[in-house]
Amino acid sequence: MSLIFIFANELLTVFPGTKLEPSIMSEWRTRTIQPALYGTLAYFIFRYLTGKNPTSPVWPIFAIFSFFTAAQIFLFFDEEYKFGLAGILTFVCSIIVMLILRLAHNQLKNEIRIDTF
C-alpha cells in the first residue's frame, strides 16, 4: 500500500488510533518509505548487473525491511522526534520483522534441496 503513496502524494493517511496530522504522516512517509524503496531498488539493480542473484526467496523482503529500518533510524537524529509512539512502535516492529526474516533466510539458504541435483 505504501507504494501507492509514492505515486499519489495527494492521498494522505494516518496511523489508525493516533493523533498525528496528515502533514506529519506525509513527512514520515517521505523520510522513510521513499528512501527505503529507492535504496532497495538500487541494491537489486546493482546485484543484477553484477550477476549475483538472491540466495533465497526471503532475501528481497529482508532487504526492503533493512532499508526501511535504516531510514527510520535516521529519524531519531532529528532535533525533535515528532512521530510519537506510533513511529517508535513501527520502528520496533520493523526490527522484529527484519530479525525474523534474517533467521528464515539463513534457514532457507542452508537447506539442501533434492530437486537441484
PDB file of N, CA and C in Angstrom:
ATOM      1  N   MET A   1       0.811  -1.182   0.000  1.00  0.00           N
ATOM      2  CA  MET A   1       0.000   0.000   0.000  1.00  0.00           C
ATOM      3  C   MET A   1       0.864   1.260   0.000  1.00  0.00           C
ATOM      4  N   SER A   2       2.023   1.177   0.615  1.00  0.00           N
ATOM      5  CA  SER A   2       2.891   2.352   0.668  1.00  0.00           C
ATOM      6  C   SER A   2       3.410   2.728  -0.703  1.00  0.00           C
ATOM      7  N   LEU A   3       3.501   1.764  -1.613  1.00  0.00           N
ATOM      8  CA  LEU A   3       3.964   2.083  -2.957  1.00  0.00           C
ATOM      9  C   LEU A   3       2.977   2.974  -3.685  1.00  0.00           C
ATOM     10  N   ILE A   4       1.693   2.848  -3.369  1.00  0.00           N
ATOM     11  CA  ILE A   4       0.679   3.698  -3.984  1.00  0.00           C
ATOM     12  C   ILE A   4       0.935   5.156  -3.625  1.00  0.00           C
ATOM     13  N   PHE A   5       1.337   5.403  -2.383  1.00  0.00           N
ATOM     14  CA  PHE A   5       1.509   6.772  -1.912  1.00  0.00           C
ATOM     15  C   PHE A   5       2.723   7.457  -2.532  1.00  0.00           C
ATOM     16  N   ILE A   6       3.653   6.702  -3.078  1.00  0.00           N
ATOM     17  CA  ILE A   6       4.800   7.312  -3.734  1.00  0.00           C
ATOM     18  C   ILE A   6       4.344   8.018  -5.004  1.00  0.00           C
ATOM     19  N   PHE A   7       3.393   7.398  -5.699  1.00  0.00           N
ATOM     20  CA  PHE A   7       2.935   7.959  -6.957  1.00  0.00           C
ATOM     21  C   PHE A   7       1.716   8.853  -6.797  1.00  0.00           C
ATOM     22  N   ALA A   8       1.041   8.780  -5.658  1.00  0.00           N
ATOM     23  CA  ALA A   8      -0.142   9.609  -5.413  1.00  0.00           C
ATOM     24  C   ALA A   8       0.047  10.350  -4.092  1.00  0.00           C
ATOM     25  N   ASN A   9       0.834  11.402  -4.119  1.00  0.00           N
ATOM     26  CA  ASN A   9       1.156  12.137  -2.899  1.00  0.00           C
ATOM     27  C   ASN A   9      -0.035  12.873  -2.307  1.00  0.00           C
ATOM     28  N   GLU A  10      -1.099  13.070  -3.093  1.00  0.00           N
ATOM     29  CA  GLU A  10      -2.254  13.782  -2.568  1.00  0.00           C
ATOM     30  C   GLU A  10      -3.066  12.913  -1.600  1.00  0.00           C
ATOM     31  N   LEU A  11      -2.846  11.609  -1.616  1.00  0.00           N
ATOM     32  CA  LEU A  11      -3.532  10.735  -0.675  1.00  0.00           C
ATOM     33  C   LEU A  11      -2.800  10.775   0.659  1.00  0.00           C
ATOM     34  N   LEU A  12      -3.466  11.237   1.675  1.00  0.00           N
ATOM     35  CA  LEU A  12      -2.841  11.340   2.985  1.00  0.00           C
ATOM     36  C   LEU A  12      -3.586  10.443   3.958  1.00  0.00           C
ATOM     37  N   THR A  13      -2.861   9.620   4.650  1.00  0.00           N
ATOM     38  CA  THR A  13      -3.452   8.762   5.668  1.00  0.00           C
ATOM     39  C   THR A  13      -2.641   8.901   6.941  1.00  0.00           C
ATOM     40  N   VAL A  14      -3.209   8.453   8.023  1.00  0.00           N
ATOM     41  CA  VAL A  14      -2.518   8.491   9.306  1.00  0.00           C
ATOM     42  C   VAL A  14      -2.546   7.101   9.908  1.00  0.00           C
ATOM     43  N   PHE A  15      -1.688   6.885  10.896  1.00  0.00           N
ATOM     44  CA  PHE A  15      -1.744   5.644  11.639  1.00  0.00           C
ATOM     45  C   PHE A  15      -3.087   5.569  12.353  1.00  0.00           C
ATOM     46  N   PRO A  16      -3.767   4.438  12.285  1.00  0.00           N
ATOM     47  CA  PRO A  16      -5.051   4.344  12.994  1.00  0.00           C
ATOM     48  C   PRO A  16      -4.853   4.474  14.507  1.00  0.00           C
ATOM     49  N   GLY A  17      -5.696   5.235  15.136  1.00  0.00           N
ATOM     50  CA  GLY A  17      -5.646   5.375  16.587  1.00  0.00           C
ATOM     51  C   GLY A  17      -4.654   6.394  17.095  1.00  0.00           C
ATOM     52  N   THR A  18      -3.987   7.105  16.213  1.00  0.00           N
ATOM     53  CA  THR A  18      -3.045   8.134  16.662  1.00  0.00           C
ATOM     54  C   THR A  18      -3.614   9.502  16.331  1.00  0.00           C
ATOM     55  N   LYS A  19      -3.007  10.505  16.907  1.00  0.00           N
ATOM     56  CA  LYS A  19      -3.464  11.871  16.674  1.00  0.00           C
ATOM     57  C   LYS A  19      -2.495  12.629  15.774  1.00  0.00           C
ATOM     58  N   LEU A  20      -1.762  11.891  14.950  1.00  0.00           N
ATOM     59  CA  LEU A  20      -0.831  12.547  14.039  1.00  0.00           C
ATOM     60  C   LEU A  20      -1.594  13.206  12.902  1.00  0.00           C
ATOM     61  N   GLU A  21      -1.127  14.352  12.502  1.00  0.00           N
ATOM     62  CA  GLU A  21      -1.762  15.087  11.417  1.00  0.00           C
ATOM     63  C   GLU A  21      -1.323  14.509  10.072  1.00  0.00           C
ATOM     64  N   PRO A  22      -2.134  14.699   9.041  1.00  0.00           N
ATOM     65  CA  PRO A  22      -1.738  14.201   7.715  1.00  0.00           C
ATOM     66  C   PRO A  22      -0.421  14.779   7.210  1.00  0.00           C
ATOM     67  N   SER A  23      -0.093  16.012   7.560  1.00  0.00           N
ATOM     68  CA  SER A  23       1.179  16.588   7.115  1.00  0.00           C
ATOM     69  C   SER A  23       2.366  15.882   7.776  1.00  0.00           C
ATOM     70  N   ILE A  24       2.209  15.518   9.043  1.00  0.00           N
ATOM     71  CA  ILE A  24       3.273  14.774   9.736  1.00  0.00           C
ATOM     72  C   ILE A  24       3.427  13.392   9.104  1.00  0.00           C
ATOM     73  N   MET A  25       2.308  12.738   8.782  1.00  0.00           N
ATOM     74  CA  MET A  25       2.376  11.428   8.155  1.00  0.00           C
ATOM     75  C   MET A  25       2.989  11.512   6.760  1.00  0.00           C
ATOM     76  N   SER A  26       2.703  12.580   6.050  1.00  0.00           N
ATOM     77  CA  SER A  26       3.306  12.767   4.731  1.00  0.00           C
ATOM     78  C   SER A  26       4.819  12.927   4.861  1.00  0.00           C
ATOM     79  N   GLU A  27       5.254  13.663   5.874  1.00  0.00           N
ATOM     80  CA  GLU A  27       6.694  13.825   6.103  1.00  0.00           C
ATOM     81  C   GLU A  27       7.333  12.502   6.496  1.00  0.00           C
ATOM     82  N   TRP A  28       6.659  11.725   7.340  1.00  0.00           N
ATOM     83  CA  TRP A  28       7.192  10.427   7.766  1.00  0.00           C
ATOM     84  C   TRP A  28       7.344   9.510   6.556  1.00  0.00           C
ATOM     85  N   ARG A  29       6.334   9.499   5.701  1.00  0.00           N
ATOM     86  CA  ARG A  29       6.375   8.661   4.504  1.00  0.00           C
ATOM     87  C   ARG A  29       7.506   9.104   3.578  1.00  0.00           C
ATOM     88  N   THR A  30       7.671  10.407   3.424  1.00  0.00           N
ATOM     89  CA  THR A  30       8.719  10.929   2.558  1.00  0.00           C
ATOM     90  C   THR A  30      10.099  10.601   3.099  1.00  0.00           C
ATOM     91  N   ARG A  31      10.234  10.552   4.414  1.00  0.00           N
ATOM     92  CA  ARG A  31      11.549  10.337   5.018  1.00  0.00           C
ATOM     93  C   ARG A  31      11.864   8.884   5.330  1.00  0.00           C
ATOM     94  N   THR A  32      10.876   7.964   5.190  1.00  0.00           N
ATOM     95  CA  THR A  32      11.149   6.551   5.474  1.00  0.00           C
ATOM     96  C   THR A  32      10.831   5.634   4.299  1.00  0.00           C
ATOM     97  N   ILE A  33       9.608   5.696   3.802  1.00  0.00           N
ATOM     98  CA  ILE A  33       9.170   4.762   2.765  1.00  0.00           C
ATOM     99  C   ILE A  33       9.931   4.994   1.463  1.00  0.00           C
ATOM    100  N   GLN A  34      10.016   6.248   1.027  1.00  0.00           N
ATOM    101  CA  GLN A  34      10.664   6.526  -0.244  1.00  0.00           C
ATOM    102  C   GLN A  34      12.161   6.211  -0.229  1.00  0.00           C
ATOM    103  N   PRO A  35      12.935   6.580   0.795  1.00  0.00           N
ATOM    104  CA  PRO A  35      14.348   6.170   0.791  1.00  0.00           C
ATOM    105  C   PRO A  35      14.516   4.649   0.854  1.00  0.00           C
ATOM    106  N   ALA A  36      13.624   3.960   1.570  1.00  0.00           N
ATOM    107  CA  ALA A  36      13.709   2.506   1.628  1.00  0.00           C
ATOM    108  C   ALA A  36      13.457   1.892   0.255  1.00  0.00           C
ATOM    109  N   LEU A  37      12.489   2.414  -0.465  1.00  0.00           N
ATOM    110  CA  LEU A  37      12.200   1.907  -1.802  1.00  0.00           C
ATOM    111  C   LEU A  37      13.370   2.164  -2.747  1.00  0.00           C
ATOM    112  N   TYR A  38      13.882   3.386  -2.751  1.00  0.00           N
ATOM    113  CA  TYR A  38      14.976   3.707  -3.654  1.00  0.00           C
ATOM    114  C   TYR A  38      16.259   2.950  -3.288  1.00  0.00           C
ATOM    115  N   GLY A  39      16.527   2.785  -2.015  1.00  0.00           N
ATOM    116  CA  GLY A  39      17.688   2.001  -1.600  1.00  0.00           C
ATOM    117  C   GLY A  39      17.575   0.552  -2.023  1.00  0.00           C
ATOM    118  N   THR A  40      16.381  -0.020  -1.884  1.00  0.00           N
ATOM    119  CA  THR A  40      16.162  -1.405  -2.289  1.00  0.00           C
ATOM    120  C   THR A  40      16.314  -1.560  -3.791  1.00  0.00           C
ATOM    121  N   LEU A  41      15.745  -0.639  -4.543  1.00  0.00           N
ATOM    122  CA  LEU A  41      15.877  -0.704  -6.000  1.00  0.00           C
ATOM    123  C   LEU A  41      17.341  -0.596  -6.429  1.00  0.00           C
ATOM    124  N   ALA A  42      18.071   0.327  -5.846  1.00  0.00           N
ATOM    125  CA  ALA A  42      19.487   0.484  -6.189  1.00  0.00           C
ATOM    126  C   ALA A  42      20.279  -0.776  -5.841  1.00  0.00           C
ATOM    127  N   TYR A  43      19.975  -1.376  -4.697  1.00  0.00           N
ATOM    128  CA  TYR A  43      20.668  -2.587  -4.266  1.00  0.00           C
ATOM    129  C   TYR A  43      20.436  -3.726  -5.253  1.00  0.00           C
ATOM    130  N   PHE A  44      19.168  -3.944  -5.636  1.00  0.00           N
ATOM    131  CA  PHE A  44      18.884  -5.061  -6.520  1.00  0.00           C
ATOM    132  C   PHE A  44      19.320  -4.797  -7.956  1.00  0.00           C
ATOM    133  N   ILE A  45      19.325  -3.554  -8.404  1.00  0.00           N
ATOM    134  CA  ILE A  45      19.874  -3.247  -9.727  1.00  0.00           C
ATOM    135  C   ILE A  45      21.369  -3.527  -9.734  1.00  0.00           C
ATOM    136  N   PHE A  46      22.070  -3.130  -8.676  1.00  0.00           N
ATOM    137  CA  PHE A  46      23.499  -3.415  -8.572  1.00  0.00           C
ATOM    138  C   PHE A  46      23.758  -4.918  -8.545  1.00  0.00           C
ATOM    139  N   ARG A  47      22.966  -5.642  -7.749  1.00  0.00           N
ATOM    140  CA  ARG A  47      23.141  -7.101  -7.679  1.00  0.00           C
ATOM    141  C   ARG A  47      22.865  -7.759  -9.027  1.00  0.00           C
ATOM    142  N   TYR A  48      21.867  -7.283  -9.745  1.00  0.00           N
ATOM    143  CA  TYR A  48      21.547  -7.846 -11.054  1.00  0.00           C
ATOM    144  C   TYR A  48      22.664  -7.576 -12.054  1.00  0.00           C
ATOM    145  N   LEU A  49      23.184  -6.351 -12.065  1.00  0.00           N
ATOM    146  CA  LEU A  49      24.243  -6.007 -13.016  1.00  0.00           C
ATOM    147  C   LEU A  49      25.561  -6.710 -12.714  1.00  0.00           C
ATOM    148  N   THR A  50      25.781  -7.080 -11.460  1.00  0.00           N
ATOM    149  CA  THR A  50      26.996  -7.819 -11.117  1.00  0.00           C
ATOM    150  C   THR A  50      26.809  -9.324 -11.236  1.00  0.00           C
ATOM    151  N   GLY A  51      25.600  -9.765 -11.591  1.00  0.00           N
ATOM    152  CA  GLY A  51      25.350 -11.190 -11.821  1.00  0.00           C
ATOM    153  C   GLY A  51      25.097 -12.005 -10.572  1.00  0.00           C
ATOM    154  N   LYS A  52      24.780 -11.357  -9.460  1.00  0.00           N
ATOM    155  CA  LYS A  52      24.518 -12.069  -8.211  1.00  0.00           C
ATOM    156  C   LYS A  52      23.020 -12.124  -7.970  1.00  0.00           C
ATOM    157  N   ASN A  53      22.505 -13.311  -7.776  1.00  0.00           N
ATOM    158  CA  ASN A  53      21.082 -13.490  -7.509  1.00  0.00           C
ATOM    159  C   ASN A  53      20.858 -13.708  -6.021  1.00  0.00           C
ATOM    160  N   PRO A  54      19.655 -13.405  -5.531  1.00  0.00           N
ATOM    161  CA  PRO A  54      19.363 -13.680  -4.119  1.00  0.00           C
ATOM    162  C   PRO A  54      19.488 -15.173  -3.824  1.00  0.00           C
ATOM    163  N   THR A  55      19.954 -15.485  -2.639  1.00  0.00           N
ATOM    164  CA  THR A  55      20.153 -16.888  -2.286  1.00  0.00           C
ATOM    165  C   THR A  55      18.881 -17.563  -1.778  1.00  0.00           C
ATOM    166  N   SER A  56      17.861 -16.804  -1.459  1.00  0.00           N
ATOM    167  CA  SER A  56      16.587 -17.373  -1.034  1.00  0.00           C
ATOM    168  C   SER A  56      15.468 -16.422  -1.432  1.00  0.00           C
ATOM    169  N   PRO A  57      14.230 -16.928  -1.508  1.00  0.00           N
ATOM    170  CA  PRO A  57      13.120 -16.042  -1.868  1.00  0.00           C
ATOM    171  C   PRO A  57      12.779 -15.025  -0.781  1.00  0.00           C
ATOM    172  N   VAL A  58      13.306 -15.191   0.413  1.00  0.00           N
ATOM    173  CA  VAL A  58      13.034 -14.279   1.517  1.00  0.00           C
ATOM    174  C   VAL A  58      13.955 -13.052   1.450  1.00  0.00           C
ATOM    175  N   TRP A  59      15.057 -13.173   0.738  1.00  0.00           N
ATOM    176  CA  TRP A  59      16.066 -12.118   0.731  1.00  0.00           C
ATOM    177  C   TRP A  59      15.544 -10.766   0.251  1.00  0.00           C
ATOM    178  N   PRO A  60      14.749 -10.674  -0.828  1.00  0.00           N
ATOM    179  CA  PRO A  60      14.252  -9.347  -1.228  1.00  0.00           C
ATOM    180  C   PRO A  60      13.403  -8.668  -0.153  1.00  0.00           C
ATOM    181  N   ILE A  61      12.577  -9.433   0.544  1.00  0.00           N
ATOM    182  CA  ILE A  61      11.750  -8.861   1.607  1.00  0.00           C
ATOM    183  C   ILE A  61      12.635  -8.399   2.764  1.00  0.00           C
ATOM    184  N   PHE A  62      13.666  -9.185   3.074  1.00  0.00           N
ATOM    185  CA  PHE A  62      14.605  -8.786   4.117  1.00  0.00           C
ATOM    186  C   PHE A  62      15.315  -7.490   3.740  1.00  0.00           C
ATOM    187  N   ALA A  63      15.708  -7.350   2.475  1.00  0.00           N
ATOM    188  CA  ALA A  63      16.395  -6.134   2.033  1.00  0.00           C
ATOM    189  C   ALA A  63      15.485  -4.920   2.169  1.00  0.00           C
ATOM    190  N   ILE A  64      14.219  -5.070   1.819  1.00  0.00           N
ATOM    191  CA  ILE A  64      13.277  -3.952   1.943  1.00  0.00           C
ATOM    192  C   ILE A  64      13.153  -3.520   3.397  1.00  0.00           C
ATOM    193  N   PHE A  65      12.980  -4.482   4.309  1.00  0.00           N
ATOM    194  CA  PHE A  65      12.844  -4.125   5.719  1.00  0.00           C
ATOM    195  C   PHE A  65      14.144  -3.582   6.290  1.00  0.00           C
ATOM    196  N   SER A  66      15.280  -4.018   5.784  1.00  0.00           N
ATOM    197  CA  SER A  66      16.558  -3.471   6.254  1.00  0.00           C
ATOM    198  C   SER A  66      16.687  -1.992   5.899  1.00  0.00           C
ATOM    199  N   PHE A  67      16.366  -1.650   4.662  1.00  0.00           N
ATOM    200  CA  PHE A  67      16.434  -0.244   4.257  1.00  0.00           C
ATOM    201  C   PHE A  67      15.374   0.584   4.981  1.00  0.00           C
ATOM    202  N   PHE A  68      14.200   0.010   5.202  1.00  0.00           N
ATOM    203  CA  PHE A  68      13.141   0.721   5.920  1.00  0.00           C
ATOM    204  C   PHE A  68      13.563   1.000   7.358  1.00  0.00           C
ATOM    205  N   THR A  69      14.182   0.019   8.012  1.00  0.00           N
ATOM    206  CA  THR A  69      14.652   0.200   9.388  1.00  0.00           C
ATOM    207  C   THR A  69      15.775   1.232   9.434  1.00  0.00           C
ATOM    208  N   ALA A  70      16.681   1.184   8.472  1.00  0.00           N
ATOM    209  CA  ALA A  70      17.771   2.158   8.431  1.00  0.00           C
ATOM    210  C   ALA A  70      17.234   3.574   8.235  1.00  0.00           C
ATOM    211  N   ALA A  71      16.231   3.729   7.385  1.00  0.00           N
ATOM    212  CA  ALA A  71      15.648   5.057   7.178  1.00  0.00           C
ATOM    213  C   ALA A  71      14.985   5.565   8.450  1.00  0.00           C
ATOM    214  N   GLN A  72      14.376   4.665   9.217  1.00  0.00           N
ATOM    215  CA  GLN A  72      13.743   5.081  10.466  1.00  0.00           C
ATOM    216  C   GLN A  72      14.773   5.457  11.521  1.00  0.00           C
ATOM    217  N   ILE A  73      15.926   4.815  11.499  1.00  0.00           N
ATOM    218  CA  ILE A  73      16.982   5.150  12.465  1.00  0.00           C
ATOM    219  C   ILE A  73      17.405   6.606  12.300  1.00  0.00           C
ATOM    220  N   PHE A  74      17.486   7.065  11.049  1.00  0.00           N
ATOM    221  CA  PHE A  74      17.906   8.447  10.813  1.00  0.00           C
ATOM    222  C   PHE A  74      16.910   9.459  11.356  1.00  0.00           C
ATOM    223  N   LEU A  75      15.660   9.068  11.521  1.00  0.00           N
ATOM    224  CA  LEU A  75      14.670   9.992  12.086  1.00  0.00           C
ATOM    225  C   LEU A  75      14.954  10.319  13.547  1.00  0.00           C
ATOM    226  N   PHE A  76      15.603   9.407  14.253  1.00  0.00           N
ATOM    227  CA  PHE A  76      15.888   9.637  15.664  1.00  0.00           C
ATOM    228  C   PHE A  76      16.985  10.676  15.868  1.00  0.00           C
ATOM    229  N   PHE A  77      17.734  11.022  14.809  1.00  0.00           N
ATOM    230  CA  PHE A  77      18.780  12.031  14.912  1.00  0.00           C
ATOM    231  C   PHE A  77      18.250  13.433  14.703  1.00  0.00           C
ATOM    232  N   ASP A  78      16.944  13.565  14.486  1.00  0.00           N
ATOM    233  CA  ASP A  78      16.329  14.887  14.358  1.00  0.00           C
ATOM    234  C   ASP A  78      16.420  15.619  15.692  1.00  0.00           C
ATOM    235  N   GLU A  79      16.291  16.937  15.644  1.00  0.00           N
ATOM    236  CA  GLU A  79      16.293  17.706  16.886  1.00  0.00           C
ATOM    237  C   GLU A  79      15.126  17.303  17.777  1.00  0.00           C
ATOM    238  N   GLU A  80      13.981  17.102  17.142  1.00  0.00           N
ATOM    239  CA  GLU A  80      12.778  16.737  17.891  1.00  0.00           C
ATOM    240  C   GLU A  80      12.095  15.601  17.144  1.00  0.00           C
ATOM    241  N   TYR A  81      11.934  14.465  17.814  1.00  0.00           N
ATOM    242  CA  TYR A  81      11.258  13.333  17.175  1.00  0.00           C
ATOM    243  C   TYR A  81       9.764  13.576  17.272  1.00  0.00           C
ATOM    244  N   LYS A  82       9.131  13.882  16.151  1.00  0.00           N
ATOM    245  CA  LYS A  82       7.739  14.323  16.162  1.00  0.00           C
ATOM    246  C   LYS A  82       6.751  13.257  15.717  1.00  0.00           C
ATOM    247  N   PHE A  83       7.195  12.004  15.600  1.00  0.00           N
ATOM    248  CA  PHE A  83       6.302  10.967  15.094  1.00  0.00           C
ATOM    249  C   PHE A  83       5.676  10.137  16.202  1.00  0.00           C
ATOM    250  N   GLY A  84       6.015  10.451  17.427  1.00  0.00           N
ATOM    251  CA  GLY A  84       5.331   9.897  18.587  1.00  0.00           C
ATOM    252  C   GLY A  84       5.494   8.405  18.785  1.00  0.00           C
ATOM    253  N   LEU A  85       4.588   7.872  19.571  1.00  0.00           N
ATOM    254  CA  LEU A  85       4.614   6.459  19.924  1.00  0.00           C
ATOM    255  C   LEU A  85       4.377   5.576  18.711  1.00  0.00           C
ATOM    256  N   ALA A  86       3.549   6.019  17.779  1.00  0.00           N
ATOM    257  CA  ALA A  86       3.282   5.224  16.577  1.00  0.00           C
ATOM    258  C   ALA A  86       4.554   5.023  15.757  1.00  0.00           C
ATOM    259  N   GLY A  87       5.376   6.038  15.643  1.00  0.00           N
ATOM    260  CA  GLY A  87       6.636   5.913  14.912  1.00  0.00           C
ATOM    261  C   GLY A  87       7.608   4.975  15.610  1.00  0.00           C
ATOM    262  N   ILE A  88       7.647   5.050  16.924  1.00  0.00           N
ATOM    263  CA  ILE A  88       8.535   4.162  17.689  1.00  0.00           C
ATOM    264  C   ILE A  88       8.055   2.718  17.583  1.00  0.00           C
ATOM    265  N   LEU A  89       6.750   2.496  17.673  1.00  0.00           N
ATOM    266  CA  LEU A  89       6.218   1.133  17.531  1.00  0.00           C
ATOM    267  C   LEU A  89       6.464   0.570  16.133  1.00  0.00           C
ATOM    268  N   THR A  90       6.368   1.412  15.121  1.00  0.00           N
ATOM    269  CA  THR A  90       6.675   0.971  13.763  1.00  0.00           C
ATOM    270  C   THR A  90       8.142   0.584  13.646  1.00  0.00           C
ATOM    271  N   PHE A  91       9.007   1.348  14.270  1.00  0.00           N
ATOM    272  CA  PHE A  91      10.435   1.038  14.261  1.00  0.00           C
ATOM    273  C   PHE A  91      10.709  -0.297  14.944  1.00  0.00           C
ATOM    274  N   VAL A  92      10.105  -0.513  16.099  1.00  0.00           N
ATOM    275  CA  VAL A  92      10.302  -1.771  16.828  1.00  0.00           C
ATOM    276  C   VAL A  92       9.759  -2.953  16.028  1.00  0.00           C
ATOM    277  N   CYS A  93       8.589  -2.782  15.432  1.00  0.00           N
ATOM    278  CA  CYS A  93       8.001  -3.861  14.617  1.00  0.00           C
ATOM    279  C   CYS A  93       8.880  -4.169  13.410  1.00  0.00           C
ATOM    280  N   SER A  94       9.439  -3.149  12.789  1.00  0.00           N
ATOM    281  CA  SER A  94      10.292  -3.403  11.624  1.00  0.00           C
ATOM    282  C   SER A  94      11.579  -4.120  12.024  1.00  0.00           C
ATOM    283  N   ILE A  95      12.108  -3.840  13.207  1.00  0.00           N
ATOM    284  CA  ILE A  95      13.289  -4.561  13.682  1.00  0.00           C
ATOM    285  C   ILE A  95      12.947  -6.027  13.928  1.00  0.00           C
ATOM    286  N   ILE A  96      11.804  -6.286  14.552  1.00  0.00           N
ATOM    287  CA  ILE A  96      11.396  -7.665  14.832  1.00  0.00           C
ATOM    288  C   ILE A  96      11.183  -8.435  13.535  1.00  0.00           C
ATOM    289  N   VAL A  97      10.485  -7.828  12.580  1.00  0.00           N
ATOM    290  CA  VAL A  97      10.252  -8.490  11.290  1.00  0.00           C
ATOM    291  C   VAL A  97      11.574  -8.726  10.572  1.00  0.00           C
ATOM    292  N   MET A  98      12.484  -7.758  10.640  1.00  0.00           N
ATOM    293  CA  MET A  98      13.778  -7.914   9.995  1.00  0.00           C
ATOM    294  C   MET A  98      14.557  -9.090  10.591  1.00  0.00           C
ATOM    295  N   LEU A  99      14.532  -9.239  11.904  1.00  0.00           N
ATOM    296  CA  LEU A  99      15.231 -10.357  12.541  1.00  0.00           C
ATOM    297  C   LEU A  99      14.602 -11.697  12.177  1.00  0.00           C
ATOM    298  N   ILE A 100      13.278 -11.747  12.146  1.00  0.00           N
ATOM    299  CA  ILE A 100      12.597 -12.990  11.765  1.00  0.00           C
ATOM    300  C   ILE A 100      12.920 -13.360  10.319  1.00  0.00           C
ATOM    301  N   LEU A 101      12.931 -12.373   9.442  1.00  0.00           N
ATOM    302  CA  LEU A 101      13.258 -12.639   8.047  1.00  0.00           C
ATOM    303  C   LEU A 101      14.707 -13.085   7.882  1.00  0.00           C
ATOM    304  N   ARG A 102      15.594 -12.532   8.673  1.00  0.00           N
ATOM    305  CA  ARG A 102      17.002 -12.944   8.595  1.00  0.00           C
ATOM    306  C   ARG A 102      17.160 -14.397   9.025  1.00  0.00           C
ATOM    307  N   LEU A 103      16.471 -14.788  10.083  1.00  0.00           N
ATOM    308  CA  LEU A 103      16.525 -16.190  10.520  1.00  0.00           C
ATOM    309  C   LEU A 103      15.930 -17.112   9.465  1.00  0.00           C
ATOM    310  N   ALA A 104      14.822 -16.698   8.846  1.00  0.00           N
ATOM    311  CA  ALA A 104      14.208 -17.507   7.791  1.00  0.00           C
ATOM    312  C   ALA A 104      15.136 -17.612   6.581  1.00  0.00           C
ATOM    313  N   HIS A 105      15.803 -16.529   6.243  1.00  0.00           N
ATOM    314  CA  HIS A 105      16.744 -16.556   5.121  1.00  0.00           C
ATOM    315  C   HIS A 105      17.893 -17.516   5.403  1.00  0.00           C
ATOM    316  N   ASN A 106      18.453 -17.451   6.595  1.00  0.00           N
ATOM    317  CA  ASN A 106      19.555 -18.351   6.944  1.00  0.00           C
ATOM    318  C   ASN A 106      19.116 -19.812   6.886  1.00  0.00           C
ATOM    319  N   GLN A 107      17.900 -20.082   7.334  1.00  0.00           N
ATOM    320  CA  GLN A 107      17.396 -21.454   7.316  1.00  0.00           C
ATOM    321  C   GLN A 107      17.189 -21.935   5.876  1.00  0.00           C
ATOM    322  N   LEU A 108      16.625 -21.104   5.020  1.00  0.00           N
ATOM    323  CA  LEU A 108      16.402 -21.498   3.627  1.00  0.00           C
ATOM    324  C   LEU A 108      17.701 -21.595   2.842  1.00  0.00           C
ATOM    325  N   LYS A 109      18.663 -20.758   3.172  1.00  0.00           N
ATOM    326  CA  LYS A 109      19.941 -20.767   2.467  1.00  0.00           C
ATOM    327  C   LYS A 109      20.715 -22.044   2.735  1.00  0.00           C
ATOM    328  N   ASN A 110      20.637 -22.544   3.951  1.00  0.00           N
ATOM    329  CA  ASN A 110      21.393 -23.725   4.335  1.00  0.00           C
ATOM    330  C   ASN A 110      20.669 -25.031   4.021  1.00  0.00           C
ATOM    331  N   GLU A 111      19.455 -24.922   3.566  1.00  0.00           N
ATOM    332  CA  GLU A 111      18.680 -26.116   3.263  1.00  0.00           C
ATOM    333  C   GLU A 111      19.167 -26.734   1.942  1.00  0.00           C
ATOM    334  N   ILE A 112      19.360 -28.031   1.950  1.00  0.00           N
ATOM    335  CA  ILE A 112      19.772 -28.738   0.742  1.00  0.00           C
ATOM    336  C   ILE A 112      18.514 -29.202   0.043  1.00  0.00           C
ATOM    337  N   ARG A 113      18.410 -28.837  -1.221  1.00  0.00           N
ATOM    338  CA  ARG A 113      17.219 -29.221  -1.988  1.00  0.00           C
ATOM    339  C   ARG A 113      17.565 -30.386  -2.883  1.00  0.00           C
ATOM    340  N   ILE A 114      16.753 -31.424  -2.831  1.00  0.00           N
ATOM    341  CA  ILE A 114      16.989 -32.615  -3.619  1.00  0.00           C
ATOM    342  C   ILE A 114      16.760 -32.357  -5.106  1.00  0.00           C
ATOM    343  N   ASP A 115      15.805 -31.487  -5.450  1.00  0.00           N
ATOM    344  CA  ASP A 115      15.483 -31.264  -6.850  1.00  0.00           C
ATOM    345  C   ASP A 115      16.548 -30.476  -7.603  1.00  0.00           C
ATOM    346  N   THR A 116      17.580 -29.977  -6.933  1.00  0.00           N
ATOM    347  CA  THR A 116      18.619 -29.222  -7.616  1.00  0.00           C
ATOM    348  C   THR A 116      19.760 -30.132  -8.092  1.00  0.00           C
ATOM    349  N   PHE A 117      19.744 -31.389  -7.693  1.00  0.00           N
ATOM    350  CA  PHE A 117      20.831 -32.306  -8.101  1.00  0.00           C
ATOM    351  C   PHE A 117      20.515 -32.989  -9.382  1.00  0.00           C
TER     352      PHE A 117
END
